[in-house]
Amino acid sequence: MNPDLSIAFIGGGNMATALATGLADNICPAGNLHVVDPNAAVQDAWRQRGATAAAAPDAALRACKIWLYAVKPQQMREVVAATRSWLQPDTLIISVAAGIRAGTLADWLGEPGAPWQNLVRCMPNTPALVGAGVSGLIALPGVDAAGRALAESLLASVGQVVWVADDAGLDAVTALSGSGPAYVFLFIESLIAGGVAVGLTPDQARQLALGTLAGATKLAEQAAEPPSVLRERVTSKGGTTYAALQVFEQANLRDTVQQAMQAAAQRSRELADEFGQ
């Protein structure tokens, strides 16, 4: 834990709260966290954690080494304009705002012809709320090794971290891990509905679906073999699993998943174009 590190959360919603939970008294003391959020209830919740809070940007930002922007992308430009006067030469900016390219944010934070380069953009996902997230990160050239390590430790407090090269890489991250929990939840819904359809109670189907998914994921994570080999091991020609997988093959499941991810990546690019105007 670094007692000299202070972090500002600009926006104190669910993702910021998840990060603060992982950070408090692990990365830095809870009293070194400062949130800026107009919602009084959000401010109170942060104060109860031992952090300081304000309804609007204030001088406390000047003392914070890291600023983490966690606001809606539609609000980002306005929020940046309201906070940038407190920037210090060594302030490390971390953005978890979806759809705002690193270069766009750098332009908003910097001066004409001199974009802010000490900036990390990341794409976490909702399992971060239970400490099991996966976050994709990119860093602009102005981020030194210490800054990258700080950003990584912050996001690692709520799960795994994967560095990618650029915004295009984060579009791909968005399509897989960013939107991916929704794909998994849809599959869980389908497993439960299927279980009920073949005679299980909803509670039985839910328990079996969640347990099967958790177990299969753990096995895939720990096994030396790729998922394709694990699949083959439980698929006997002419057996029950084979019959089920034939239906998936006929429905072109692989192609459908790839098309869905391509649509998500394309929409990520479109949103970045819209918000960057």
Protein backbone atom coordinates (compact mmCIF):
# COMPACT_ATOMS: atom_id res chain seq x y z
CA MET A 1 0.00 0.00 0.00
CA ASN A 2 1.23 3.48 -0.88
CA PRO A 3 0.24 6.02 1.80
CA ASP A 4 1.33 8.90 -0.45
CA LEU A 5 -0.89 7.97 -3.40
CA SER A 6 -4.15 9.94 -3.83
CA ILE A 7 -6.78 9.05 -6.41
CA ALA A 8 -9.74 11.08 -7.65
CA PHE A 9 -12.82 9.40 -9.06
CA ILE A 10 -14.68 11.77 -11.32
CA GLY A 11 -18.03 10.05 -11.31
CA GLY A 12 -18.85 7.79 -8.39
CA GLY A 13 -21.20 5.18 -9.89
CA ASN A 14 -21.04 1.39 -9.87
CA MET A 15 -17.75 0.90 -11.70
CA ALA A 16 -15.97 3.59 -9.69
CA THR A 17 -17.35 2.09 -6.47
CA ALA A 18 -16.11 -1.37 -7.48
CA LEU A 19 -12.64 0.02 -8.13
CA ALA A 20 -12.65 1.96 -4.87
CA THR A 21 -13.59 -1.22 -2.99
CA GLY A 22 -10.59 -2.98 -4.47
CA LEU A 23 -8.26 -0.06 -3.85
CA ALA A 24 -9.22 1.13 -0.40
CA ASP A 25 -6.57 0.15 2.15
CA ASN A 26 -4.92 -2.12 -0.45
CA ILE A 27 -3.41 0.24 -3.02
CA CYS A 28 -3.75 3.36 -0.86
CA PRO A 29 -5.60 4.41 2.31
CA ALA A 30 -9.35 4.94 1.94
CA GLY A 31 -8.88 8.52 3.11
CA ASN A 32 -6.73 9.17 0.02
CA LEU A 33 -9.70 8.59 -2.30
CA HIS A 34 -11.71 11.59 -3.45
CA VAL A 35 -14.92 11.43 -5.50
CA VAL A 36 -16.61 14.14 -7.52
CA ASP A 37 -20.27 13.36 -8.12
CA PRO A 38 -23.37 15.58 -8.04
CA ASN A 39 -25.50 12.89 -6.38
CA ALA A 40 -25.69 13.45 -2.61
CA ALA A 41 -26.42 9.79 -1.92
CA VAL A 42 -23.32 8.77 -3.85
CA GLN A 43 -21.23 11.28 -1.90
CA ASP A 44 -22.54 9.94 1.39
CA ALA A 45 -21.76 6.35 0.40
CA TRP A 46 -18.17 7.28 -0.40
CA ARG A 47 -17.76 9.21 2.84
CA GLN A 48 -18.96 6.15 4.75
CA ARG A 49 -16.08 4.25 3.13
CA GLY A 50 -13.65 6.82 4.53
CA ALA A 51 -13.16 8.78 1.30
CA THR A 52 -13.76 12.48 0.74
CA ALA A 53 -16.45 13.70 -1.66
CA ALA A 54 -17.59 16.81 -3.47
CA ALA A 55 -20.54 17.70 -5.66
CA ALA A 56 -18.38 19.57 -8.18
CA PRO A 57 -14.70 19.71 -9.16
CA ASP A 58 -12.66 21.32 -6.41
CA ALA A 59 -9.09 22.03 -5.32
CA ALA A 60 -8.71 18.50 -3.90
CA LEU A 61 -8.16 17.33 -7.47
CA ARG A 62 -4.86 19.18 -7.61
CA ALA A 63 -3.34 16.88 -4.99
CA CYS A 64 -4.49 13.64 -6.63
CA LYS A 65 -1.86 11.76 -8.62
CA ILE A 66 -4.47 9.77 -10.58
CA TRP A 67 -7.77 11.01 -11.99
CA LEU A 68 -10.16 8.28 -13.02
CA TYR A 69 -12.99 9.46 -15.24
CA ALA A 70 -16.04 7.22 -14.80
CA VAL A 71 -18.87 9.24 -16.31
CA LYS A 72 -21.26 8.58 -19.17
CA PRO A 73 -19.66 9.26 -22.55
CA GLN A 74 -22.33 11.85 -23.34
CA GLN A 75 -21.15 13.86 -20.32
CA MET A 76 -17.42 13.42 -20.82
CA ARG A 77 -16.55 16.56 -22.76
CA GLU A 78 -18.43 18.80 -20.33
CA VAL A 79 -16.87 17.09 -17.31
CA VAL A 80 -13.37 17.36 -18.76
CA ALA A 81 -13.87 21.08 -19.35
CA ALA A 82 -14.97 21.50 -15.72
CA THR A 83 -11.96 19.65 -14.29
CA ARG A 84 -8.97 20.37 -16.54
CA SER A 85 -7.99 23.60 -14.76
CA TRP A 86 -6.91 21.45 -11.78
CA LEU A 87 -4.55 19.29 -13.86
CA GLN A 88 -0.92 19.11 -12.76
CA PRO A 89 2.00 18.25 -15.07
CA ASP A 90 2.29 14.73 -13.63
CA THR A 91 -1.44 13.90 -13.31
CA LEU A 92 -2.15 10.43 -14.69
CA ILE A 93 -5.54 10.26 -16.40
CA ILE A 94 -7.40 6.96 -16.55
CA SER A 95 -10.67 6.80 -18.47
CA VAL A 96 -13.25 4.03 -18.16
CA ALA A 97 -15.76 5.96 -20.28
CA ALA A 98 -16.96 3.79 -23.14
CA GLY A 99 -16.79 5.17 -26.66
CA ILE A 100 -14.31 8.01 -26.08
CA ARG A 101 -11.07 7.40 -27.98
CA ALA A 102 -7.81 8.08 -26.17
CA GLY A 103 -6.81 10.67 -28.75
CA THR A 104 -10.12 12.49 -28.42
CA LEU A 105 -9.80 12.69 -24.65
CA ALA A 106 -6.17 13.79 -24.99
CA ASP A 107 -7.27 16.69 -27.20
CA TRP A 108 -9.98 17.75 -24.73
CA LEU A 109 -7.55 17.67 -21.80
CA GLY A 110 -4.61 19.33 -23.52
CA GLU A 111 -3.94 22.60 -25.25
CA PRO A 112 -4.31 23.28 -29.00
CA GLY A 113 -1.55 21.37 -30.72
CA ALA A 114 -0.47 19.77 -27.44
CA PRO A 115 -2.76 16.87 -26.47
CA TRP A 116 -2.46 15.40 -22.97
CA GLN A 117 -0.23 12.32 -23.25
CA ASN A 118 -0.17 10.97 -19.68
CA LEU A 119 -3.35 9.03 -20.30
CA VAL A 120 -4.59 5.44 -20.06
CA ARG A 121 -7.90 4.33 -21.52
CA CYS A 122 -9.47 1.12 -20.30
CA MET A 123 -12.49 -1.04 -20.97
CA PRO A 124 -13.55 -2.96 -17.84
CA ASN A 125 -16.60 -5.20 -17.70
CA THR A 126 -19.40 -5.64 -15.19
CA PRO A 127 -17.96 -8.69 -13.35
CA ALA A 128 -15.55 -6.13 -11.89
CA LEU A 129 -18.43 -5.40 -9.51
CA VAL A 130 -17.70 -8.75 -7.83
CA GLY A 131 -13.92 -8.61 -8.23
CA ALA A 132 -13.90 -10.88 -11.29
CA GLY A 133 -13.58 -8.40 -14.11
CA VAL A 134 -11.41 -8.37 -17.20
CA SER A 135 -10.11 -4.98 -18.36
CA GLY A 136 -8.42 -4.03 -21.61
CA LEU A 137 -5.99 -1.08 -21.38
CA ILE A 138 -4.06 1.16 -23.74
CA ALA A 139 -1.52 3.84 -22.84
CA LEU A 140 -0.54 6.95 -24.77
CA PRO A 141 3.20 7.60 -25.30
CA GLY A 142 3.43 9.99 -22.36
CA VAL A 143 2.70 7.25 -19.81
CA ASP A 144 5.96 5.98 -18.31
CA ALA A 145 6.58 2.55 -16.81
CA ALA A 146 5.53 3.73 -13.35
CA GLY A 147 2.29 5.14 -14.73
CA ARG A 148 1.50 1.90 -16.54
CA ALA A 149 2.18 -0.01 -13.34
CA LEU A 150 -0.15 2.29 -11.37
CA ALA A 151 -2.94 1.91 -13.92
CA GLU A 152 -2.49 -1.85 -14.00
CA SER A 153 -2.55 -2.16 -10.21
CA LEU A 154 -5.74 -0.11 -10.06
CA LEU A 155 -7.62 -2.24 -12.59
CA ALA A 156 -6.09 -5.46 -11.29
CA SER A 157 -7.75 -4.74 -7.94
CA VAL A 158 -11.06 -5.84 -9.54
CA GLY A 159 -9.86 -8.60 -11.86
CA GLN A 160 -7.53 -9.37 -14.75
CA VAL A 161 -5.78 -6.83 -17.00
CA VAL A 162 -4.87 -7.16 -20.69
CA TRP A 163 -2.85 -4.45 -22.48
CA VAL A 164 -3.61 -3.83 -26.15
CA ALA A 165 -1.91 -1.55 -28.66
CA ASP A 166 -4.50 1.08 -29.53
CA ASP A 167 -8.16 2.13 -29.70
CA ALA A 168 -8.82 -0.46 -32.40
CA GLY A 169 -7.66 -3.07 -29.92
CA LEU A 170 -10.10 -1.71 -27.35
CA ASP A 171 -12.91 -1.99 -29.91
CA ALA A 172 -12.06 -5.69 -30.07
CA VAL A 173 -11.91 -5.89 -26.26
CA THR A 174 -15.34 -4.25 -26.15
CA ALA A 175 -16.72 -6.86 -28.53
CA LEU A 176 -15.37 -9.75 -26.47
CA SER A 177 -15.04 -9.01 -22.76
CA GLY A 178 -16.84 -5.65 -22.59
CA SER A 179 -20.07 -6.93 -24.10
CA GLY A 180 -19.28 -10.57 -23.40
CA PRO A 181 -21.04 -10.86 -20.02
CA ALA A 182 -24.33 -10.16 -21.81
CA TYR A 183 -23.63 -13.04 -24.21
CA VAL A 184 -22.97 -15.32 -21.26
CA PHE A 185 -26.11 -14.17 -19.44
CA LEU A 186 -28.14 -14.89 -22.58
CA PHE A 187 -26.68 -18.40 -22.73
CA ILE A 188 -27.48 -18.91 -19.04
CA GLU A 189 -31.05 -17.76 -19.68
CA SER A 190 -31.26 -20.25 -22.55
CA LEU A 191 -29.88 -23.11 -20.48
CA ILE A 192 -32.38 -22.44 -17.70
CA ALA A 193 -35.29 -22.23 -20.14
CA GLY A 194 -34.10 -25.41 -21.84
CA GLY A 195 -33.83 -27.19 -18.51
CA VAL A 196 -37.39 -26.25 -17.63
CA ALA A 197 -38.55 -27.39 -21.07
CA VAL A 198 -37.14 -30.89 -20.49
CA GLY A 199 -38.74 -31.25 -17.06
CA LEU A 200 -36.66 -29.49 -14.39
CA THR A 201 -37.99 -26.88 -11.99
CA PRO A 202 -36.74 -23.31 -12.52
CA ASP A 203 -34.63 -23.53 -9.34
CA GLN A 204 -33.10 -26.85 -10.38
CA ALA A 205 -32.38 -25.55 -13.88
CA ARG A 206 -30.76 -22.39 -12.54
CA GLN A 207 -28.53 -24.28 -10.11
CA LEU A 208 -27.46 -26.76 -12.76
CA ALA A 209 -26.88 -24.06 -15.41
CA LEU A 210 -24.78 -21.82 -13.16
CA GLY A 211 -22.82 -24.73 -11.71
CA THR A 212 -22.14 -26.23 -15.13
CA LEU A 213 -20.95 -22.93 -16.57
CA ALA A 214 -18.73 -22.18 -13.55
CA GLY A 215 -17.25 -25.68 -13.58
CA ALA A 216 -16.62 -25.78 -17.32
CA THR A 217 -14.98 -22.34 -17.18
CA LYS A 218 -12.73 -23.39 -14.32
CA LEU A 219 -11.74 -26.58 -16.14
CA ALA A 220 -10.96 -24.63 -19.33
CA GLU A 221 -8.87 -22.16 -17.32
CA GLN A 222 -6.82 -24.84 -15.58
CA ALA A 223 -6.47 -27.40 -18.38
CA ALA A 224 -3.39 -27.48 -20.57
CA GLU A 225 -5.48 -28.42 -23.60
CA PRO A 226 -7.51 -25.93 -25.67
CA PRO A 227 -11.31 -25.82 -25.30
CA SER A 228 -11.73 -27.75 -28.55
CA VAL A 229 -9.99 -30.79 -27.03
CA LEU A 230 -12.04 -30.55 -23.83
CA ARG A 231 -15.19 -30.44 -25.96
CA GLU A 232 -14.15 -33.52 -27.90
CA ARG A 233 -13.53 -35.44 -24.68
CA VAL A 234 -17.16 -35.14 -23.60
CA THR A 235 -18.58 -35.79 -27.07
CA SER A 236 -19.08 -39.44 -27.96
CA LYS A 237 -20.15 -40.13 -31.54
CA GLY A 238 -23.89 -40.80 -31.47
CA GLY A 239 -24.23 -39.83 -27.81
CA THR A 240 -26.32 -37.16 -26.09
CA THR A 241 -23.71 -34.41 -26.28
CA TYR A 242 -23.12 -35.18 -29.95
CA ALA A 243 -26.84 -34.83 -30.64
CA ALA A 244 -26.96 -31.43 -28.92
CA LEU A 245 -23.82 -30.13 -30.64
CA GLN A 246 -25.19 -31.14 -34.03
CA VAL A 247 -28.05 -28.72 -33.44
CA PHE A 248 -25.58 -25.94 -32.61
CA GLU A 249 -23.59 -26.76 -35.77
CA GLN A 250 -26.72 -26.67 -37.93
CA ALA A 251 -27.55 -23.26 -36.46
CA ASN A 252 -24.03 -22.00 -37.31
CA LEU A 253 -23.33 -21.04 -33.70
CA ARG A 254 -19.68 -20.15 -34.38
CA ASP A 255 -20.58 -17.85 -37.26
CA THR A 256 -23.38 -16.26 -35.24
CA VAL A 257 -21.02 -15.46 -32.35
CA GLN A 258 -18.43 -13.97 -34.70
CA GLN A 259 -21.06 -11.87 -36.45
CA ALA A 260 -22.35 -10.62 -33.10
CA MET A 261 -18.83 -9.60 -32.02
CA GLN A 262 -18.18 -7.87 -35.33
CA ALA A 263 -21.42 -5.91 -34.84
CA ALA A 264 -20.33 -4.90 -31.34
CA ALA A 265 -16.89 -3.78 -32.56
CA GLN A 266 -18.45 -1.80 -35.40
CA ARG A 267 -20.86 -0.10 -33.02
CA SER A 268 -17.95 0.77 -30.73
CA ARG A 269 -16.24 2.52 -33.65
CA GLU A 270 -19.44 4.34 -34.57
CA LEU A 271 -19.97 5.58 -31.02
CA ALA A 272 -16.39 6.82 -30.86
CA ASP A 273 -17.00 8.80 -34.05
CA GLU A 274 -20.21 10.27 -32.61
CA PHE A 275 -18.80 11.22 -29.21
CA GLY A 276 -15.60 12.58 -30.72
CA GLN A 277 -17.37 15.26 -32.74
